[in-house]
Amino acid sequence: MGSNNVQNHVDDDDRFSKLPDDILLHILGKTNIMSSIRASFSSTRWRHLPSLLPHIDLSIWDFIHSNNTLTNNKVVDEAMAAMTKAARICLATPGSERVMKTASLDLCLSANYLYDIGELVCEAIDNSNVKSVELALPTTSQNYDRADMMRHANNLVCFFDAMHNLFQCTTKLVLYSARFSEFKMHQILNSCEQLQHLELNSCDTGYLSVLKIDMPNSKISYLRLASCCFEKIEFLCLPKLSVLCCESWSSIGTPLYFGYVPCLEDLSLVCCAAKYQSGLSLSELLHGSTSIKVLTLDFYGEKIWMLPEGKKLCTSFNKLTKMFIHGINVKFGLLWTIALIEKAPSLKTFGIEVWNHMCDVDTEENRRVFSKRTNPWQKRNKFKSSGHLQLERLEFVGFMAIKKHMKFIRGVMDYASSLETILLQDKDPCEPCDAVSSNLTCCPTGSMFPKNKYEQDMILDQLGIGVSCSTQIIFKT
């Protein structure tokens, strides 16, 4: 019996050995680099395969145990040493075989082995073995002060100067916690000739400075700015930019200016406004962006940071087909959002998300940190016209079986004769809220979302959804 099992194991190995390289590479491509390398050492048949993988994904997080962080220099050095060995194996060119690769690198800038990996990639680029690079350079700390940011920026510039070929082939760049000089910021961006995807996290050229981006030859199509302390970013010329996400700006007034951005179609504005930040004019902010089709506004449950406007929004909203209003505090009404819908004649999909978190006001400290919640649009709670909305889909995250939510849905249904689908979804899970909820014994904390068929049928009856109604309502928990 034992000999039969051994024979079956050998037969299985032979079957794998007979598979062509492309199938074996497809199997390895489903795993991370470390698993691929381990598999290659288990069989001579697989030994050369890691160097033939068309895409190499080297992330420092795959080489760090879950209990460790980037704040431990010894842990980082050990992880980068292991990454260097993996890079050397994967970037090797066995015999006459040559595979044009793409590489995703998530590297720790302060590690001793950073330049070793960079030189390996640059050599592979020179040998036409790597054609494009996606590069992320995280920091070793999440709490950087001004001096740390400037020091990190200097390290980035040194790495950039030493690895110029790598940056010239970079198509995606993600930077963290760096304060550059304006000259160096422009030098890096302009030298990344193939750059298409850019993310700046807590980066700037000085607190409340103005960054002017004038790059007529740029290929950047996706840009994300998160917690960058600019007073304003002026997009004088970015001809390929199509997706822009701006999160948590520090400026008092309008954080963006649009010059020549003819391809900008998807804009997200996400901000938990501080007390010192005044309301901004959305029409002024959107001025110059004439092609926006998807607009997302997120208030993170705080005050509505845009001022009420009327016809001024019509020009900017003219081509909108999708609009999402997220982070509306649960205490606010919802009918005011109709004033935005009415300014978008081509709107097909409208989505709202209600912010209902106990965890953001569960302590006195939290109540001090969060600004006073206000909604300057609150009085605009009536339709000014009837029956002209072209909406086909309404998405409602955080729906509850309460009067103001029902009134909002009923109002949209009455004025959007083309409405085909209404998606009602429970609020997203939140562990801190669950912890707060478990400590509250004096009041009910259960969800008010209709979960069973009986409760859902009651909602349908209240909305007047019968067999003959053409609008479909979907409940999603």
Protein backbone atom coordinates (compact mmCIF):
# COMPACT_ATOMS: atom_id res chain seq x y z
CA MET A 1 0.00 0.00 0.00
CA GLY A 2 2.85 2.35 0.94
CA SER A 3 4.63 1.76 -2.37
CA ASN A 4 1.46 2.67 -4.27
CA ASN A 5 1.25 6.04 -2.46
CA VAL A 6 4.88 6.81 -3.33
CA GLN A 7 4.23 5.89 -6.94
CA ASN A 8 1.16 8.15 -7.09
CA HIS A 9 3.20 11.07 -5.69
CA VAL A 10 5.88 10.55 -8.33
CA ASP A 11 3.24 10.38 -11.05
CA ASP A 12 1.76 13.70 -9.82
CA ASP A 13 5.19 15.32 -9.95
CA ASP A 14 5.67 14.01 -13.48
CA ARG A 15 2.33 15.45 -14.56
CA PHE A 16 3.36 18.92 -13.30
CA SER A 17 6.76 18.58 -14.96
CA LYS A 18 5.11 17.96 -18.31
CA LEU A 19 3.08 21.17 -18.15
CA PRO A 20 4.36 23.96 -20.43
CA ASP A 21 6.02 27.02 -18.92
CA ASP A 22 3.12 29.37 -19.63
CA ILE A 23 0.73 27.27 -17.49
CA LEU A 24 3.26 26.96 -14.67
CA LEU A 25 3.87 30.73 -14.83
CA HIS A 26 0.13 31.30 -14.65
CA ILE A 27 0.04 29.22 -11.46
CA LEU A 28 2.97 31.12 -9.93
CA GLY A 29 1.41 34.42 -10.93
CA LYS A 30 -1.44 33.74 -8.51
CA THR A 31 0.95 33.72 -5.53
CA ASN A 32 3.32 36.31 -4.02
CA ILE A 33 7.02 36.44 -4.87
CA MET A 34 8.17 34.50 -1.80
CA SER A 35 5.80 31.62 -2.58
CA SER A 36 6.99 31.58 -6.19
CA ILE A 37 10.63 31.41 -5.12
CA ARG A 38 9.95 28.64 -2.58
CA ALA A 39 8.15 26.66 -5.27
CA SER A 40 11.08 27.09 -7.66
CA PHE A 41 13.50 25.59 -5.14
CA SER A 42 11.29 22.55 -4.63
CA SER A 43 11.87 21.26 -8.16
CA THR A 44 14.54 21.67 -10.84
CA ARG A 45 11.71 21.89 -13.37
CA TRP A 46 10.48 25.08 -11.66
CA ARG A 47 13.91 26.56 -10.88
CA HIS A 48 14.06 29.05 -13.77
CA LEU A 49 10.41 30.16 -13.64
CA PRO A 50 10.60 33.18 -11.25
CA SER A 51 12.92 34.94 -13.71
CA LEU A 52 10.29 34.45 -16.45
CA LEU A 53 7.39 36.02 -14.53
CA PRO A 54 6.04 38.97 -16.58
CA HIS A 55 5.21 40.97 -13.44
CA ILE A 56 7.27 41.25 -10.24
CA ASP A 57 5.55 42.52 -7.10
CA LEU A 58 8.06 43.25 -4.34
CA SER A 59 6.51 44.75 -1.22
CA ILE A 60 8.29 45.18 2.08
CA TRP A 61 5.08 44.20 3.84
CA ASP A 62 5.37 40.66 2.43
CA PHE A 63 8.74 40.28 4.16
CA ILE A 64 7.70 41.61 7.58
CA HIS A 65 5.92 39.47 10.14
CA SER A 66 2.46 40.72 11.11
CA ASN A 67 3.57 41.70 14.63
CA ASN A 68 6.34 44.01 13.39
CA THR A 69 6.27 47.52 11.90
CA LEU A 70 8.56 49.80 9.88
CA THR A 71 9.64 51.59 13.06
CA ASN A 72 12.06 48.77 13.96
CA ASN A 73 15.29 49.35 11.99
CA LYS A 74 16.52 45.78 12.46
CA VAL A 75 13.24 44.35 11.17
CA VAL A 76 13.32 46.69 8.17
CA ASP A 77 16.93 45.78 7.31
CA GLU A 78 16.16 42.05 7.50
CA ALA A 79 13.10 42.50 5.28
CA MET A 80 15.00 44.57 2.72
CA ALA A 81 17.85 42.03 2.68
CA ALA A 82 15.33 39.28 1.88
CA MET A 83 13.74 41.49 -0.79
CA THR A 84 17.15 42.07 -2.38
CA LYS A 85 17.72 38.32 -2.70
CA ALA A 86 14.25 37.88 -4.19
CA ALA A 87 14.84 40.73 -6.64
CA ARG A 88 18.15 39.22 -7.75
CA ILE A 89 16.43 35.88 -8.51
CA CYS A 90 13.45 37.39 -10.31
CA LEU A 91 15.47 39.86 -12.39
CA ALA A 92 18.01 37.29 -13.54
CA THR A 93 18.12 36.43 -17.25
CA PRO A 94 18.67 32.67 -17.63
CA GLY A 95 20.49 31.73 -20.82
CA SER A 96 19.16 33.38 -23.93
CA GLU A 97 15.64 33.79 -22.55
CA ARG A 98 14.49 37.38 -22.11
CA VAL A 99 11.14 38.51 -20.74
CA MET A 100 9.99 42.12 -20.75
CA LYS A 101 8.73 42.69 -17.22
CA THR A 102 6.75 45.21 -15.25
CA ALA A 103 7.75 45.71 -11.62
CA SER A 104 5.83 46.94 -8.58
CA LEU A 105 8.17 48.03 -5.78
CA ASP A 106 7.07 49.00 -2.28
CA LEU A 107 10.37 49.90 -0.62
CA CYS A 108 11.47 51.49 2.65
CA LEU A 109 13.55 54.55 1.80
CA SER A 110 15.67 54.57 4.96
CA ALA A 111 16.78 50.94 4.66
CA ASN A 112 20.41 49.99 3.92
CA TYR A 113 19.43 47.75 1.01
CA LEU A 114 17.33 50.29 -0.92
CA TYR A 115 20.12 51.23 -3.32
CA ASP A 116 20.98 47.55 -3.91
CA ILE A 117 17.45 46.85 -5.13
CA GLY A 118 17.41 50.09 -7.10
CA GLU A 119 20.64 49.17 -8.89
CA LEU A 120 19.27 45.72 -9.74
CA VAL A 121 16.18 47.27 -11.29
CA CYS A 122 18.21 49.91 -13.15
CA GLU A 123 20.45 47.18 -14.57
CA ALA A 124 17.36 45.24 -15.68
CA ILE A 125 16.04 48.42 -17.34
CA ASP A 126 19.34 48.95 -19.14
CA ASN A 127 19.21 45.32 -20.33
CA SER A 128 15.65 45.83 -21.61
CA ASN A 129 14.42 43.27 -19.08
CA VAL A 130 12.11 45.73 -17.27
CA LYS A 131 9.95 48.12 -19.24
CA SER A 132 7.95 49.89 -16.52
CA VAL A 133 8.01 50.35 -12.74
CA GLU A 134 5.37 51.11 -10.12
CA LEU A 135 7.12 52.64 -7.11
CA ALA A 136 5.93 53.35 -3.55
CA LEU A 137 8.28 54.72 -0.89
CA PRO A 138 6.67 54.56 2.57
CA THR A 139 8.24 56.18 5.63
CA THR A 140 9.28 54.51 8.87
CA SER A 141 6.97 56.67 10.98
CA GLN A 142 3.40 57.92 10.77
CA ASN A 143 4.05 61.02 12.89
CA TYR A 144 6.52 63.14 10.96
CA ASP A 145 7.30 66.72 12.00
CA ARG A 146 8.65 69.45 9.74
CA ALA A 147 12.30 68.39 10.14
CA ASP A 148 11.45 64.73 9.44
CA MET A 149 9.54 65.70 6.30
CA MET A 150 12.45 67.77 4.99
CA ARG A 151 14.93 65.01 5.80
CA HIS A 152 12.76 62.43 4.07
CA ALA A 153 12.45 64.67 1.01
CA ASN A 154 16.25 65.02 0.85
CA ASN A 155 16.58 61.22 0.98
CA LEU A 156 14.05 60.93 -1.84
CA VAL A 157 15.97 63.45 -3.94
CA CYS A 158 19.26 61.56 -3.37
CA PHE A 159 17.60 58.31 -4.38
CA PHE A 160 16.12 60.01 -7.43
CA ASP A 161 19.52 61.41 -8.50
CA ALA A 162 21.19 58.01 -8.07
CA MET A 163 18.44 55.99 -9.81
CA HIS A 164 17.49 58.27 -12.67
CA ASN A 165 16.76 55.39 -15.06
CA LEU A 166 14.34 53.86 -12.58
CA PHE A 167 12.31 57.08 -12.33
CA GLN A 168 12.30 57.53 -16.10
CA CYS A 169 10.50 54.18 -16.40
CA THR A 170 8.16 54.79 -13.46
CA THR A 171 4.48 54.72 -14.44
CA LYS A 172 3.09 54.87 -10.88
CA LEU A 173 4.62 56.84 -8.00
CA VAL A 174 3.40 56.96 -4.38
CA LEU A 175 5.18 59.32 -1.95
CA TYR A 176 4.67 59.91 1.76
CA SER A 177 5.49 62.63 4.33
CA ALA A 178 7.94 64.74 2.34
CA ARG A 179 8.48 68.52 2.20
CA PHE A 180 10.28 69.35 -1.04
CA SER A 181 11.55 72.59 -2.43
CA GLU A 182 9.30 73.66 -5.27
CA PHE A 183 12.18 73.17 -7.72
CA LYS A 184 12.84 69.57 -6.61
CA MET A 185 9.14 68.71 -6.67
CA HIS A 186 8.90 69.87 -10.29
CA GLN A 187 12.20 68.21 -11.18
CA ILE A 188 11.04 64.79 -9.97
CA LEU A 189 7.60 65.03 -11.61
CA ASN A 190 8.95 66.27 -14.93
CA SER A 191 11.70 63.63 -15.02
CA CYS A 192 9.19 60.80 -14.63
CA GLU A 193 8.42 60.89 -18.33
CA GLN A 194 6.18 57.79 -18.30
CA LEU A 195 4.29 58.68 -15.11
CA GLN A 196 0.56 57.99 -15.33
CA HIS A 197 -0.48 57.45 -11.71
CA LEU A 198 0.64 59.80 -8.89
CA GLU A 199 -0.23 59.77 -5.19
CA LEU A 200 1.05 62.35 -2.71
CA ASN A 201 0.36 61.60 0.95
CA SER A 202 1.19 64.41 3.43
CA CYS A 203 3.57 66.00 0.93
CA ASP A 204 4.05 69.71 0.19
CA THR A 205 6.53 72.44 -0.74
CA GLY A 206 6.08 74.31 2.52
CA TYR A 207 3.11 74.78 4.85
CA LEU A 208 0.25 76.52 3.01
CA SER A 209 2.37 77.03 -0.11
CA VAL A 210 0.90 77.24 -3.61
CA LEU A 211 1.85 74.46 -6.02
CA LYS A 212 1.58 75.29 -9.71
CA ILE A 213 1.52 72.30 -12.04
CA ASP A 214 2.27 73.19 -15.64
CA MET A 215 3.19 69.96 -17.49
CA PRO A 216 1.99 70.08 -21.11
CA ASN A 217 3.85 66.83 -21.96
CA SER A 218 2.69 64.92 -18.88
CA LYS A 219 1.01 61.52 -19.17
CA ILE A 220 -0.48 61.67 -15.65
CA SER A 221 -4.08 60.49 -15.82
CA TYR A 222 -4.69 59.66 -12.13
CA LEU A 223 -3.77 61.95 -9.22
CA ARG A 224 -4.55 61.53 -5.52
CA LEU A 225 -3.67 64.20 -2.95
CA ALA A 226 -4.16 63.19 0.70
CA SER A 227 -3.52 65.51 3.67
CA CYS A 228 -1.19 67.73 1.65
CA CYS A 229 -0.75 71.12 3.35
CA PHE A 230 -1.02 73.34 0.29
CA GLU A 231 -2.97 76.58 0.35
CA LYS A 232 -3.90 75.88 -3.26
CA ILE A 233 -2.90 73.62 -6.13
CA GLU A 234 -3.15 75.24 -9.54
CA PHE A 235 -3.50 72.80 -12.42
CA LEU A 236 -2.29 75.15 -15.12
CA CYS A 237 -1.79 72.35 -17.62
CA LEU A 238 -2.29 68.60 -17.21
CA PRO A 239 -3.66 67.47 -20.56
CA LYS A 240 -4.18 63.75 -19.72
CA LEU A 241 -5.56 64.06 -16.18
CA SER A 242 -8.86 62.16 -16.00
CA VAL A 243 -9.23 61.17 -12.32
CA LEU A 244 -8.48 63.50 -9.39
CA CYS A 245 -9.04 62.78 -5.69
CA CYS A 246 -8.34 65.56 -3.20
CA GLU A 247 -8.57 64.55 0.48
CA SER A 248 -8.31 66.66 3.64
CA TRP A 249 -7.01 70.02 2.48
CA SER A 250 -5.73 72.65 4.93
CA SER A 251 -6.61 75.83 3.03
CA ILE A 252 -9.30 78.20 4.26
CA GLY A 253 -10.60 78.92 0.77
CA THR A 254 -10.79 77.05 -2.51
CA PRO A 255 -8.04 74.39 -2.53
CA LEU A 256 -7.93 73.82 -6.31
CA TYR A 257 -7.70 75.86 -9.49
CA PHE A 258 -8.23 74.37 -12.94
CA GLY A 259 -6.59 75.76 -16.03
CA TYR A 260 -6.15 73.32 -18.93
CA VAL A 261 -7.51 69.92 -17.81
CA PRO A 262 -9.61 68.89 -20.84
CA CYS A 263 -9.81 65.18 -19.90
CA LEU A 264 -10.83 65.52 -16.24
CA GLU A 265 -13.97 63.38 -15.90
CA ASP A 266 -13.86 61.97 -12.35
CA LEU A 267 -13.41 64.28 -9.34
CA SER A 268 -13.55 63.33 -5.64
CA LEU A 269 -13.45 65.95 -2.88
CA VAL A 270 -13.10 64.41 0.59
CA CYS A 271 -12.68 66.57 3.68
CA CYS A 272 -13.61 66.57 7.35
CA ALA A 273 -13.59 70.36 7.58
CA ALA A 274 -11.96 72.00 10.59
CA LYS A 275 -13.47 74.91 12.51
CA TYR A 276 -11.20 77.46 10.86
CA GLN A 277 -12.17 76.41 7.33
CA SER A 278 -14.91 78.53 5.85
CA GLY A 279 -17.40 77.32 3.28
CA LEU A 280 -16.21 77.18 -0.31
CA SER A 281 -17.98 77.91 -3.55
CA LEU A 282 -18.30 74.69 -5.53
CA SER A 283 -18.94 76.58 -8.77
CA GLU A 284 -15.73 78.57 -8.23
CA LEU A 285 -13.75 75.44 -7.47
CA LEU A 286 -15.07 73.61 -10.53
CA HIS A 287 -14.57 76.59 -12.83
CA GLY A 288 -12.38 75.56 -15.76
CA SER A 289 -13.27 71.88 -15.51
CA THR A 290 -15.78 71.44 -18.30
CA SER A 291 -15.82 67.66 -18.76
CA ILE A 292 -16.60 66.23 -15.30
CA LYS A 293 -18.93 63.24 -15.52
CA VAL A 294 -18.48 61.71 -12.06
CA LEU A 295 -18.44 63.88 -8.90
CA THR A 296 -18.02 62.61 -5.33
CA LEU A 297 -18.34 64.89 -2.29
CA ASP A 298 -17.56 63.41 1.15
CA PHE A 299 -18.03 65.35 4.41
CA TYR A 300 -17.05 62.59 6.86
CA GLY A 301 -20.09 63.30 9.02
CA GLU A 302 -19.02 66.88 9.78
CA LYS A 303 -20.33 70.23 8.56
CA ILE A 304 -21.25 70.66 4.91
CA TRP A 305 -18.25 72.66 3.71
CA MET A 306 -19.75 74.07 0.50
CA LEU A 307 -21.94 77.15 0.33
CA PRO A 308 -25.49 77.12 -1.09
CA GLU A 309 -25.56 78.01 -4.77
CA GLY A 310 -28.13 78.09 -7.50
CA LYS A 311 -27.73 78.49 -11.25
CA LYS A 312 -23.97 78.99 -10.95
CA LEU A 313 -23.61 75.21 -10.69
CA CYS A 314 -25.40 74.51 -13.97
CA THR A 315 -22.32 75.01 -16.16
CA SER A 316 -20.10 72.71 -14.07
CA PHE A 317 -22.85 70.10 -13.65
CA ASN A 318 -23.90 70.10 -17.30
CA LYS A 319 -22.13 66.82 -18.20
CA LEU A 320 -22.51 65.00 -14.90
CA THR A 321 -23.86 61.46 -15.26
CA LYS A 322 -22.98 60.26 -11.74
CA MET A 323 -22.93 62.17 -8.45
CA PHE A 324 -22.30 60.84 -4.94
CA ILE A 325 -22.78 62.77 -1.69
CA HIS A 326 -21.12 60.82 1.14
CA GLY A 327 -20.62 61.43 4.85
CA ILE A 328 -23.94 63.26 5.47
CA ASN A 329 -24.42 63.40 9.22
CA VAL A 330 -27.40 61.39 10.39
CA LYS A 331 -28.86 64.49 12.09
CA PHE A 332 -29.14 66.32 8.76
CA GLY A 333 -32.10 66.04 6.47
CA LEU A 334 -31.62 64.82 2.90
CA LEU A 335 -34.02 66.81 0.75
CA TRP A 336 -31.41 69.57 0.35
CA THR A 337 -29.41 67.28 -1.95
CA ILE A 338 -32.19 67.63 -4.50
CA ALA A 339 -30.97 71.17 -5.15
CA LEU A 340 -27.78 69.59 -6.51
CA ILE A 341 -29.63 66.97 -8.57
CA GLU A 342 -31.72 69.65 -10.27
CA LYS A 343 -28.60 71.40 -11.60
CA ALA A 344 -27.44 68.24 -13.43
CA PRO A 345 -29.73 67.63 -16.44
CA SER A 346 -27.78 64.55 -17.63
CA LEU A 347 -27.55 62.84 -14.24
CA LYS A 348 -28.32 59.10 -14.41
CA THR A 349 -26.96 57.81 -11.07
CA PHE A 350 -27.21 59.58 -7.72
CA GLY A 351 -25.86 58.14 -4.49
CA ILE A 352 -25.90 59.30 -0.88
CA GLU A 353 -24.27 57.89 2.24
CA VAL A 354 -25.47 58.75 5.73
CA TRP A 355 -22.83 59.03 8.46
CA ASN A 356 -24.14 57.41 11.62
CA HIS A 357 -21.19 56.75 13.93
CA MET A 358 -21.41 56.80 17.71
CA CYS A 359 -17.64 56.42 17.95
CA ASP A 360 -16.86 59.97 16.77
CA VAL A 361 -18.57 61.56 19.79
CA ASP A 362 -18.16 58.85 22.41
CA THR A 363 -15.63 60.85 24.47
CA GLU A 364 -15.19 64.47 25.46
CA GLU A 365 -11.91 64.57 23.52
CA ASN A 366 -13.63 63.44 20.34
CA ARG A 367 -16.33 66.03 20.79
CA ARG A 368 -13.67 68.75 21.05
CA VAL A 369 -11.74 67.51 17.99
CA PHE A 370 -14.72 67.37 15.68
CA SER A 371 -16.05 70.71 14.52
CA LYS A 372 -19.60 71.88 15.12
CA ARG A 373 -21.86 70.23 12.59
CA THR A 374 -23.76 72.66 10.39
CA ASN A 375 -25.48 72.46 7.03
CA PRO A 376 -25.91 75.78 5.19
CA TRP A 377 -28.03 73.97 2.58
CA GLN A 378 -30.57 72.71 5.13
CA LYS A 379 -33.30 75.21 4.22
CA ARG A 380 -33.20 74.17 0.56
CA ASN A 381 -35.51 71.22 1.01
CA LYS A 382 -38.03 71.52 -1.80
CA PHE A 383 -38.12 70.69 -5.51
CA LYS A 384 -38.24 73.85 -7.59
CA SER A 385 -39.50 72.02 -10.66
CA SER A 386 -41.31 68.78 -11.31
CA GLY A 387 -40.96 65.66 -13.39
CA HIS A 388 -37.80 66.63 -15.28
CA LEU A 389 -35.15 64.56 -13.48
CA GLN A 390 -33.51 61.98 -15.74
CA LEU A 391 -32.31 59.76 -12.90
CA GLU A 392 -32.24 56.04 -13.56
CA ARG A 393 -30.55 54.81 -10.38
CA LEU A 394 -30.62 55.93 -6.74
CA GLU A 395 -28.12 54.46 -4.26
CA PHE A 396 -28.68 54.98 -0.53
CA VAL A 397 -26.04 53.71 1.94
CA GLY A 398 -26.97 53.94 5.62
CA PHE A 399 -30.72 53.77 4.96
CA MET A 400 -32.98 53.54 8.00
CA ALA A 401 -36.71 53.01 8.22
CA ILE A 402 -37.33 56.55 9.51
CA LYS A 403 -39.56 59.35 8.30
CA LYS A 404 -36.94 61.67 6.77
CA HIS A 405 -35.30 58.86 4.79
CA MET A 406 -38.66 57.64 3.48
CA LYS A 407 -39.67 61.20 2.59
CA PHE A 408 -36.47 61.70 0.60
CA ILE A 409 -36.91 58.50 -1.44
CA ARG A 410 -40.56 59.23 -2.08
CA GLY A 411 -39.66 62.73 -3.25
CA VAL A 412 -37.06 61.45 -5.71
CA MET A 413 -39.50 58.85 -7.04
CA ASP A 414 -42.17 61.48 -7.63
CA TYR A 415 -39.87 63.73 -9.62
CA ALA A 416 -37.78 61.17 -11.53
CA SER A 417 -40.13 59.38 -13.87
CA SER A 418 -37.26 57.41 -15.47
CA LEU A 419 -36.09 55.88 -12.17
CA GLU A 420 -35.39 52.18 -12.72
CA THR A 421 -33.47 51.05 -9.61
CA ILE A 422 -33.26 52.06 -5.95
CA LEU A 423 -30.48 50.37 -3.97
CA LEU A 424 -31.00 50.56 -0.21
CA GLN A 425 -27.98 49.46 1.82
CA ASP A 426 -27.29 49.13 5.53
CA LYS A 427 -24.51 51.27 6.99
CA ASP A 428 -20.98 49.93 6.72
CA PRO A 429 -19.71 47.97 9.75
CA CYS A 430 -17.55 49.86 12.24
CA GLU A 431 -15.61 48.10 15.02
CA PRO A 432 -15.24 51.22 17.24
CA CYS A 433 -19.01 51.81 16.98
CA ASP A 434 -19.66 48.20 17.95
CA ALA A 435 -17.42 48.65 20.99
CA VAL A 436 -19.30 51.80 22.04
CA SER A 437 -22.63 50.10 21.38
CA SER A 438 -21.76 47.12 23.55
CA ASN A 439 -21.21 49.49 26.52
CA LEU A 440 -24.59 51.18 26.14
CA THR A 441 -27.29 49.32 28.02
CA CYS A 442 -29.78 52.14 28.52
CA CYS A 443 -30.85 52.61 24.91
CA PRO A 444 -31.44 50.42 21.87
CA THR A 445 -28.48 50.19 19.50
CA GLY A 446 -29.73 47.77 16.86
CA SER A 447 -29.81 48.59 13.16
CA MET A 448 -32.93 50.24 11.74
CA PHE A 449 -32.32 48.70 8.33
CA PRO A 450 -35.11 46.35 7.15
CA LYS A 451 -33.42 42.96 7.04
CA ASN A 452 -36.21 40.40 6.65
CA LYS A 453 -38.91 40.13 3.99
CA TYR A 454 -41.67 41.32 6.31
CA GLU A 455 -39.84 44.57 7.12
CA GLN A 456 -38.87 45.07 3.49
CA ASP A 457 -42.46 44.58 2.32
CA MET A 458 -43.55 47.25 4.81
CA ILE A 459 -41.08 49.67 3.22
CA LEU A 460 -42.39 48.86 -0.23
CA ASP A 461 -45.96 49.49 0.92
CA GLN A 462 -45.07 52.83 2.45
CA LEU A 463 -43.32 53.87 -0.77
CA GLY A 464 -46.27 52.73 -2.86
CA ILE A 465 -44.26 50.12 -4.74
CA GLY A 466 -46.77 47.73 -6.24
CA VAL A 467 -46.75 45.07 -8.94
CA SER A 468 -47.30 47.64 -11.66
CA CYS A 469 -44.46 49.91 -10.51
CA SER A 470 -41.50 49.99 -12.91
CA THR A 471 -38.99 50.92 -10.20
CA GLN A 472 -37.07 48.03 -8.65
CA ILE A 473 -35.97 48.32 -5.01
CA ILE A 474 -32.98 46.25 -3.91
CA PHE A 475 -32.18 45.76 -0.21
CA LYS A 476 -28.53 45.06 0.54
CA THR A 477 -27.18 44.26 4.00
